[in-house]
Protein backbone atom coordinates (compact mmCIF):
# COMPACT_ATOMS: atom_id res chain seq x y z
CA GLY A 1 162.85 9.42 163.36
CA GLY A 2 162.00 13.04 163.59
CA MET A 3 158.59 14.62 163.83
CA PHE A 4 156.79 15.48 160.57
CA SER A 5 156.74 19.20 159.93
CA PRO A 6 158.31 20.16 163.27
CA THR A 7 157.55 23.48 164.88
CA LYS A 8 160.08 26.03 163.74
CA THR A 9 161.89 28.32 166.13
CA TRP A 10 161.88 31.16 163.61
CA ARG A 11 158.12 31.13 163.08
CA ARG A 12 156.40 34.34 164.23
CA TRP A 13 154.15 32.90 166.93
CA HIS A 14 153.20 36.30 168.37
CA ARG A 15 152.16 38.93 165.89
CA CYS A 16 151.84 42.65 166.60
CA VAL A 17 148.19 43.63 166.28
CA ASN A 18 146.98 47.19 166.49
CA ILE A 19 145.26 47.94 169.82
CA THR A 20 142.29 49.47 168.01
CA GLN A 21 141.87 46.25 166.02
CA LYS A 22 142.03 44.20 169.23
CA ARG A 23 139.34 46.34 170.84
CA HIS A 24 137.16 46.12 167.75
CA ALA A 25 137.54 42.33 167.67
CA VAL A 26 136.52 41.97 171.34
CA ALA A 27 133.53 44.27 170.89
CA THR A 28 132.41 42.38 167.79
CA ALA A 29 132.75 38.99 169.48
CA LEU A 30 130.77 40.16 172.50
CA ALA A 31 128.04 41.59 170.27
CA ALA A 32 127.88 38.33 168.30
CA SER A 33 127.49 36.30 171.50
CA SER A 34 124.23 38.13 172.22
CA LEU A 35 122.57 36.99 168.97
CA PRO A 36 120.93 33.56 169.41
CA PRO A 37 121.08 32.56 165.71
CA LEU A 38 124.85 33.10 165.61
CA VAL A 39 125.38 31.21 168.87
CA MET A 40 123.23 28.29 167.67
CA ALA A 41 125.08 28.26 164.34
CA ARG A 42 128.24 27.49 166.31
CA GLY A 43 126.56 24.35 167.64
CA HIS A 44 125.54 25.50 171.11
CA ARG A 45 122.21 24.36 172.53
CA ILE A 46 120.70 27.41 174.16
CA GLY A 47 116.99 26.63 173.94
CA GLU A 48 116.28 26.98 177.68
CA VAL A 49 118.64 29.89 178.42
CA SER A 50 116.57 32.94 179.36
CA GLU A 51 118.86 35.60 177.87
CA LEU A 52 122.17 35.93 176.08
CA PRO A 53 124.88 36.62 177.03
CA LEU A 54 124.36 34.66 180.24
CA VAL A 55 125.66 36.83 183.09
CA VAL A 56 125.95 35.42 186.60
CA SER A 57 126.94 37.01 189.90
CA ASP A 58 130.37 36.78 191.50
CA GLY A 59 128.96 34.36 194.07
CA LEU A 60 129.34 31.57 191.53
CA GLU A 61 133.12 31.73 192.05
CA SER A 62 132.70 30.61 195.65
CA LEU A 63 131.51 27.14 194.57
CA THR A 64 134.13 24.53 195.40
CA LYS A 65 132.55 21.33 194.09
CA THR A 66 131.91 20.51 190.44
CA LYS A 67 128.58 18.97 191.40
CA GLN A 68 127.42 22.33 192.79
CA ALA A 69 128.54 24.14 189.63
CA VAL A 70 126.73 21.65 187.38
CA GLU A 71 123.52 22.00 189.40
CA THR A 72 123.73 25.80 189.19
CA LEU A 73 124.24 25.71 185.42
CA LYS A 74 121.28 23.33 185.04
CA LYS A 75 119.10 25.76 187.03
CA LEU A 76 120.17 28.54 184.66
CA GLY A 77 119.02 26.48 181.68
CA CYS A 78 122.35 25.19 180.42
CA GLY A 79 121.53 21.51 180.91
CA GLU A 80 121.41 20.72 177.19
CA GLU A 81 124.76 22.39 176.68
CA LEU A 82 126.31 20.29 179.45
CA GLN A 83 125.04 17.10 177.81
CA ARG A 84 126.71 18.17 174.55
CA LEU A 85 130.14 17.84 176.15
């Protein structure tokens, strides 16, 4: 049998959005991520995080092991958030 409600080839998957609207959406999302009540309303546990948005240095990209990355995030106060996953 065939799949129920198959994906259609003629569906507009990519819509044209005005560049100004895209910029406004990104700016609004970034501003919302700095407000703790809005972040907690999304279900994130940020009780121990010192400040939002959490900005880290580029040195974090040099970590090669997941264990190192988890330890670094726990030191930054994201331990509760890691347990949520």
